[in-house]
């Protein structure tokens, strides 16, 4: 068991920036609970390259510890999962929160098909994560409900539904996300 200090990383999705949606709100709440939090800017957000995004997310997350928390949104979820799936050695992650995550192509955003191709081997991940939470809305216009439910099933869990949250975007009124904060167990 690691004795490392708590820390959190929030990974944004396609066409987003660290200042968008609920990312800053969550980072501030975690900081208030004594959890230093970073929200890195992934390169080429309008035309994401899977290798560059995975490398950037990996640089921000590094090798997690039992007091680490990682929160990802949309395409950031697949990016984080790819990073974690390639980590060598014996590591643990305290909390992983995936918001509107998916590993299957999205009918609404076919331009991401090449990025999504091949998905990710999730077999070993659930055993390395102490608290795994998958959040989805009841009506996401970009990521179909079955896509997030499929990801949750692959990870051995069930998606938690946040009613009326759409794709968890600020222009849909989502600038806070208490369910993600709860899932991060601040104060531990």
C-alpha atoms as a PDB file:
ATOM      1  CA  UNK A   1       0.000   0.000   0.000  1.00  0.00           C
ATOM      2  CA  UNK A   2       1.415   3.352  -0.994  1.00  0.00           C
ATOM      3  CA  UNK A   3       1.796   6.198   1.476  1.00  0.00           C
ATOM      4  CA  UNK A   4       1.830   8.811  -1.276  1.00  0.00           C
ATOM      5  CA  UNK A   5      -0.106  12.001  -0.763  1.00  0.00           C
ATOM      6  CA  UNK A   6      -3.577  12.255  -2.283  1.00  0.00           C
ATOM      7  CA  UNK A   7      -3.799  13.742  -5.751  1.00  0.00           C
ATOM      8  CA  UNK A   8      -6.332  13.945  -8.539  1.00  0.00           C
ATOM      9  CA  UNK A   9      -6.220  14.340 -12.295  1.00  0.00           C
ATOM     10  CA  UNK A  10      -9.186  15.377 -14.437  1.00  0.00           C
ATOM     11  CA  UNK A  11      -8.951  14.518 -18.144  1.00  0.00           C
ATOM     12  CA  UNK A  12     -11.201  16.410 -20.569  1.00  0.00           C
ATOM     13  CA  UNK A  13     -12.731  15.094 -23.754  1.00  0.00           C
ATOM     14  CA  UNK A  14     -13.021  15.972 -27.433  1.00  0.00           C
ATOM     15  CA  UNK A  15     -13.123  19.690 -28.261  1.00  0.00           C
ATOM     16  CA  UNK A  16     -12.881  20.611 -24.572  1.00  0.00           C
ATOM     17  CA  UNK A  17     -10.357  22.532 -22.507  1.00  0.00           C
ATOM     18  CA  UNK A  18      -9.434  22.388 -18.810  1.00  0.00           C
ATOM     19  CA  UNK A  19     -11.662  25.413 -18.144  1.00  0.00           C
ATOM     20  CA  UNK A  20     -14.806  23.897 -19.643  1.00  0.00           C
ATOM     21  CA  UNK A  21     -17.912  22.324 -18.156  1.00  0.00           C
ATOM     22  CA  UNK A  22     -17.560  21.102 -14.534  1.00  0.00           C
ATOM     23  CA  UNK A  23     -13.810  20.446 -14.535  1.00  0.00           C
ATOM     24  CA  UNK A  24     -12.801  23.623 -12.677  1.00  0.00           C
ATOM     25  CA  UNK A  25     -15.612  23.229 -10.154  1.00  0.00           C
ATOM     26  CA  UNK A  26     -14.534  19.657  -9.368  1.00  0.00           C
ATOM     27  CA  UNK A  27     -10.864  20.638  -9.146  1.00  0.00           C
ATOM     28  CA  UNK A  28     -11.735  23.419  -6.668  1.00  0.00           C
ATOM     29  CA  UNK A  29     -13.845  21.094  -4.501  1.00  0.00           C
ATOM     30  CA  UNK A  30     -11.087  18.471  -4.412  1.00  0.00           C
ATOM     31  CA  UNK A  31      -8.497  21.122  -3.530  1.00  0.00           C
ATOM     32  CA  UNK A  32     -10.774  22.277  -0.674  1.00  0.00           C
ATOM     33  CA  UNK A  33     -10.634  18.695   0.620  1.00  0.00           C
ATOM     34  CA  UNK A  34      -6.829  18.694   0.525  1.00  0.00           C
ATOM     35  CA  UNK A  35      -6.470  16.842  -2.763  1.00  0.00           C
ATOM     36  CA  UNK A  36      -4.104  18.656  -5.163  1.00  0.00           C
ATOM     37  CA  UNK A  37      -5.729  18.451  -8.586  1.00  0.00           C
ATOM     38  CA  UNK A  38      -4.513  18.978 -12.131  1.00  0.00           C
ATOM     39  CA  UNK A  39      -6.586  19.411 -15.269  1.00  0.00           C
ATOM     40  CA  UNK A  40      -4.086  19.138 -18.128  1.00  0.00           C
ATOM     41  CA  UNK A  41      -4.777  20.439 -21.614  1.00  0.00           C
ATOM     42  CA  UNK A  42      -4.609  17.601 -24.111  1.00  0.00           C
ATOM     43  CA  UNK A  43      -3.045  18.508 -27.488  1.00  0.00           C
ATOM     44  CA  UNK A  44      -5.090  19.081 -30.628  1.00  0.00           C
ATOM     45  CA  UNK A  45      -8.461  18.933 -28.931  1.00  0.00           C
ATOM     46  CA  UNK A  46     -10.347  19.477 -32.227  1.00  0.00           C
ATOM     47  CA  UNK A  47      -8.417  16.698 -34.005  1.00  0.00           C
ATOM     48  CA  UNK A  48      -7.205  14.345 -31.278  1.00  0.00           C
ATOM     49  CA  UNK A  49      -4.397  11.913 -31.967  1.00  0.00           C
ATOM     50  CA  UNK A  50      -4.669   8.805 -29.775  1.00  0.00           C
ATOM     51  CA  UNK A  51      -0.925   8.467 -29.200  1.00  0.00           C
ATOM     52  CA  UNK A  52      -0.455  12.123 -28.312  1.00  0.00           C
ATOM     53  CA  UNK A  53      -3.525  12.198 -26.051  1.00  0.00           C
ATOM     54  CA  UNK A  54      -2.558   8.991 -24.261  1.00  0.00           C
ATOM     55  CA  UNK A  55       0.986  10.299 -23.754  1.00  0.00           C
ATOM     56  CA  UNK A  56      -0.288  13.631 -22.395  1.00  0.00           C
ATOM     57  CA  UNK A  57      -2.795  11.964 -20.078  1.00  0.00           C
ATOM     58  CA  UNK A  58      -0.117   9.511 -18.997  1.00  0.00           C
ATOM     59  CA  UNK A  59       2.310  12.326 -18.210  1.00  0.00           C
ATOM     60  CA  UNK A  60      -0.333  13.967 -16.017  1.00  0.00           C
ATOM     61  CA  UNK A  61      -1.488  10.784 -14.278  1.00  0.00           C
ATOM     62  CA  UNK A  62       1.805   8.920 -14.110  1.00  0.00           C
ATOM     63  CA  UNK A  63       1.747   5.725 -12.085  1.00  0.00           C
ATOM     64  CA  UNK A  64      -1.160   6.157  -9.691  1.00  0.00           C
ATOM     65  CA  UNK A  65      -1.261   5.267  -6.036  1.00  0.00           C
ATOM     66  CA  UNK A  66      -3.999   4.137  -3.699  1.00  0.00           C
ATOM     67  CA  UNK A  67      -4.700   7.781  -2.789  1.00  0.00           C
ATOM     68  CA  UNK A  68      -4.864   8.914  -6.416  1.00  0.00           C
ATOM     69  CA  UNK A  69      -8.095   9.864  -8.125  1.00  0.00           C
ATOM     70  CA  UNK A  70      -8.639  10.079 -11.858  1.00  0.00           C
ATOM     71  CA  UNK A  71     -11.761  11.583 -13.399  1.00  0.00           C
ATOM     72  CA  UNK A  72     -12.301  11.549 -17.156  1.00  0.00           C
ATOM     73  CA  UNK A  73     -15.017  12.797 -19.478  1.00  0.00           C
ATOM     74  CA  UNK A  74     -16.158  11.358 -22.807  1.00  0.00           C
ATOM     75  CA  UNK A  75     -13.170  10.654 -25.111  1.00  0.00           C
ATOM     76  CA  UNK A  76     -10.922  11.328 -22.125  1.00  0.00           C
ATOM     77  CA  UNK A  77     -12.268   8.094 -20.594  1.00  0.00           C
ATOM     78  CA  UNK A  78     -10.897   5.900 -23.391  1.00  0.00           C
ATOM     79  CA  UNK A  79      -7.658   7.876 -23.250  1.00  0.00           C
ATOM     80  CA  UNK A  80      -7.247   7.256 -19.515  1.00  0.00           C
ATOM     81  CA  UNK A  81      -8.163   3.597 -19.858  1.00  0.00           C
ATOM     82  CA  UNK A  82      -5.533   3.153 -22.577  1.00  0.00           C
ATOM     83  CA  UNK A  83      -2.886   4.736 -20.331  1.00  0.00           C
ATOM     84  CA  UNK A  84      -3.811   2.581 -17.343  1.00  0.00           C
ATOM     85  CA  UNK A  85      -3.943  -0.587 -19.448  1.00  0.00           C
ATOM     86  CA  UNK A  86      -0.305  -0.121 -20.472  1.00  0.00           C
ATOM     87  CA  UNK A  87       1.134   0.603 -17.030  1.00  0.00           C
ATOM     88  CA  UNK A  88       3.713  -1.966 -15.960  1.00  0.00           C
ATOM     89  CA  UNK A  89       4.290  -3.252 -12.458  1.00  0.00           C
ATOM     90  CA  UNK A  90       2.127  -3.419  -9.393  1.00  0.00           C
ATOM     91  CA  UNK A  91       0.030  -0.260  -9.048  1.00  0.00           C
ATOM     92  CA  UNK A  92      -3.310   0.705  -7.513  1.00  0.00           C
ATOM     93  CA  UNK A  93      -5.701   3.540  -8.215  1.00  0.00           C
ATOM     94  CA  UNK A  94      -7.869   4.802  -5.368  1.00  0.00           C
ATOM     95  CA  UNK A  95     -10.761   6.171  -7.463  1.00  0.00           C
ATOM     96  CA  UNK A  96     -11.552   6.139 -11.152  1.00  0.00           C
ATOM     97  CA  UNK A  97     -14.578   8.123 -12.321  1.00  0.00           C
ATOM     98  CA  UNK A  98     -15.624   7.819 -15.961  1.00  0.00           C
ATOM     99  CA  UNK A  99     -18.248  10.323 -17.145  1.00  0.00           C
ATOM    100  CA  UNK A 100     -20.059   9.543 -20.437  1.00  0.00           C
ATOM    101  CA  UNK A 101     -17.390   6.991 -21.234  1.00  0.00           C
ATOM    102  CA  UNK A 102     -17.373   4.582 -24.154  1.00  0.00           C
ATOM    103  CA  UNK A 103     -15.130   2.198 -26.082  1.00  0.00           C
ATOM    104  CA  UNK A 104     -17.354   1.756 -29.149  1.00  0.00           C
ATOM    105  CA  UNK A 105     -17.710   4.071 -32.182  1.00  0.00           C
ATOM    106  CA  UNK A 106     -20.204   6.898 -31.759  1.00  0.00           C
ATOM    107  CA  UNK A 107     -22.904   7.296 -34.433  1.00  0.00           C
ATOM    108  CA  UNK A 108     -23.122  11.048 -33.649  1.00  0.00           C
ATOM    109  CA  UNK A 109     -19.363  11.654 -34.062  1.00  0.00           C
ATOM    110  CA  UNK A 110     -18.020   9.402 -36.847  1.00  0.00           C
ATOM    111  CA  UNK A 111     -14.891  11.560 -37.129  1.00  0.00           C
ATOM    112  CA  UNK A 112     -13.677   9.852 -33.926  1.00  0.00           C
ATOM    113  CA  UNK A 113     -13.914   6.322 -35.373  1.00  0.00           C
ATOM    114  CA  UNK A 114     -10.169   6.123 -36.076  1.00  0.00           C
ATOM    115  CA  UNK A 115      -9.358   7.255 -32.520  1.00  0.00           C
ATOM    116  CA  UNK A 116     -11.771   4.729 -31.005  1.00  0.00           C
ATOM    117  CA  UNK A 117     -10.725   1.844 -33.282  1.00  0.00           C
ATOM    118  CA  UNK A 118      -9.360  -1.067 -31.312  1.00  0.00           C
ATOM    119  CA  UNK A 119     -10.922   0.081 -28.061  1.00  0.00           C
ATOM    120  CA  UNK A 120      -8.837  -0.976 -25.091  1.00  0.00           C
ATOM    121  CA  UNK A 121      -8.065  -4.152 -23.147  1.00  0.00           C
ATOM    122  CA  UNK A 122      -9.856  -3.592 -19.850  1.00  0.00           C
ATOM    123  CA  UNK A 123      -9.397  -7.094 -18.433  1.00  0.00           C
ATOM    124  CA  UNK A 124      -6.900  -6.281 -15.662  1.00  0.00           C
ATOM    125  CA  UNK A 125      -8.138  -2.808 -14.716  1.00  0.00           C
ATOM    126  CA  UNK A 126     -11.001  -3.521 -12.281  1.00  0.00           C
ATOM    127  CA  UNK A 127      -8.690  -5.471  -9.960  1.00  0.00           C
ATOM    128  CA  UNK A 128      -6.337  -2.472  -9.713  1.00  0.00           C
ATOM    129  CA  UNK A 129      -8.957   0.191  -8.948  1.00  0.00           C
ATOM    130  CA  UNK A 130     -10.317   0.497  -5.415  1.00  0.00           C
ATOM    131  CA  UNK A 131     -13.393   2.522  -6.345  1.00  0.00           C
ATOM    132  CA  UNK A 132     -14.671   2.522  -9.919  1.00  0.00           C
ATOM    133  CA  UNK A 133     -17.604   4.741 -10.881  1.00  0.00           C
ATOM    134  CA  UNK A 134     -19.181   5.100 -14.315  1.00  0.00           C
ATOM    135  CA  UNK A 135     -21.575   8.035 -14.680  1.00  0.00           C
ATOM    136  CA  UNK A 136     -24.021   8.581 -17.512  1.00  0.00           C
ATOM    137  CA  UNK A 137     -27.079  10.650 -18.201  1.00  0.00           C
ATOM    138  CA  UNK A 138     -30.516   9.289 -18.977  1.00  0.00           C
ATOM    139  CA  UNK A 139     -30.397  11.040 -22.378  1.00  0.00           C
ATOM    140  CA  UNK A 140     -26.910  11.726 -23.765  1.00  0.00           C
ATOM    141  CA  UNK A 141     -27.155  13.157 -27.302  1.00  0.00           C
ATOM    142  CA  UNK A 142     -23.576  12.125 -28.198  1.00  0.00           C
ATOM    143  CA  UNK A 143     -22.868   8.868 -26.347  1.00  0.00           C
ATOM    144  CA  UNK A 144     -25.763   6.405 -26.509  1.00  0.00           C
ATOM    145  CA  UNK A 145     -26.821   4.898 -23.185  1.00  0.00           C
ATOM    146  CA  UNK A 146     -25.894   1.359 -24.311  1.00  0.00           C
ATOM    147  CA  UNK A 147     -22.336   2.533 -25.036  1.00  0.00           C
ATOM    148  CA  UNK A 148     -21.708   3.715 -21.468  1.00  0.00           C
ATOM    149  CA  UNK A 149     -23.532   0.713 -20.052  1.00  0.00           C
ATOM    150  CA  UNK A 150     -21.307  -1.556 -22.172  1.00  0.00           C
ATOM    151  CA  UNK A 151     -18.190   0.130 -20.789  1.00  0.00           C
ATOM    152  CA  UNK A 152     -19.494  -0.302 -17.245  1.00  0.00           C
ATOM    153  CA  UNK A 153     -20.174  -3.990 -17.881  1.00  0.00           C
ATOM    154  CA  UNK A 154     -16.663  -4.503 -19.281  1.00  0.00           C
ATOM    155  CA  UNK A 155     -15.331  -2.964 -16.053  1.00  0.00           C
ATOM    156  CA  UNK A 156     -17.528  -5.165 -13.880  1.00  0.00           C
ATOM    157  CA  UNK A 157     -19.821  -2.426 -12.621  1.00  0.00           C
ATOM    158  CA  UNK A 158     -23.125  -0.710 -13.394  1.00  0.00           C
ATOM    159  CA  UNK A 159     -23.405   2.855 -14.628  1.00  0.00           C
ATOM    160  CA  UNK A 160     -24.835   5.395 -12.204  1.00  0.00           C
ATOM    161  CA  UNK A 161     -27.454   7.601 -13.876  1.00  0.00           C
ATOM    162  CA  UNK A 162     -27.458  11.371 -13.401  1.00  0.00           C
ATOM    163  CA  UNK A 163     -30.916  12.431 -14.667  1.00  0.00           C
ATOM    164  CA  UNK A 164     -31.110  15.248 -17.193  1.00  0.00           C
ATOM    165  CA  UNK A 165     -27.342  15.700 -17.530  1.00  0.00           C
ATOM    166  CA  UNK A 166     -27.125  15.249 -21.308  1.00  0.00           C
ATOM    167  CA  UNK A 167     -23.450  14.855 -22.224  1.00  0.00           C
ATOM    168  CA  UNK A 168     -22.410  16.690 -19.036  1.00  0.00           C
ATOM    169  CA  UNK A 169     -21.615  19.913 -20.891  1.00  0.00           C
ATOM    170  CA  UNK A 170     -21.808  23.486 -19.626  1.00  0.00           C
ATOM    171  CA  UNK A 171     -24.120  24.487 -22.486  1.00  0.00           C
ATOM    172  CA  UNK A 172     -26.502  21.819 -21.167  1.00  0.00           C
ATOM    173  CA  UNK A 173     -26.366  23.451 -17.744  1.00  0.00           C
ATOM    174  CA  UNK A 174     -23.831  21.078 -16.185  1.00  0.00           C
ATOM    175  CA  UNK A 175     -21.207  23.226 -14.468  1.00  0.00           C
ATOM    176  CA  UNK A 176     -21.109  21.199 -11.248  1.00  0.00           C
ATOM    177  CA  UNK A 177     -21.021  17.429 -10.868  1.00  0.00           C
ATOM    178  CA  UNK A 178     -21.618  16.354  -7.258  1.00  0.00           C
ATOM    179  CA  UNK A 179     -21.812  12.673  -8.277  1.00  0.00           C
ATOM    180  CA  UNK A 180     -18.174  12.818  -9.458  1.00  0.00           C
ATOM    181  CA  UNK A 181     -17.120  14.563  -6.264  1.00  0.00           C
ATOM    182  CA  UNK A 182     -18.862  11.907  -4.168  1.00  0.00           C
ATOM    183  CA  UNK A 183     -17.179   9.173  -6.191  1.00  0.00           C
ATOM    184  CA  UNK A 184     -13.754  10.665  -5.485  1.00  0.00           C
ATOM    185  CA  UNK A 185     -14.273  10.266  -1.719  1.00  0.00           C
ATOM    186  CA  UNK A 186     -12.629  13.544  -0.728  1.00  0.00           C
ATOM    187  CA  UNK A 187     -11.090  13.651   2.677  1.00  0.00           C
ATOM    188  CA  UNK A 188      -9.663  10.135   2.618  1.00  0.00           C
END
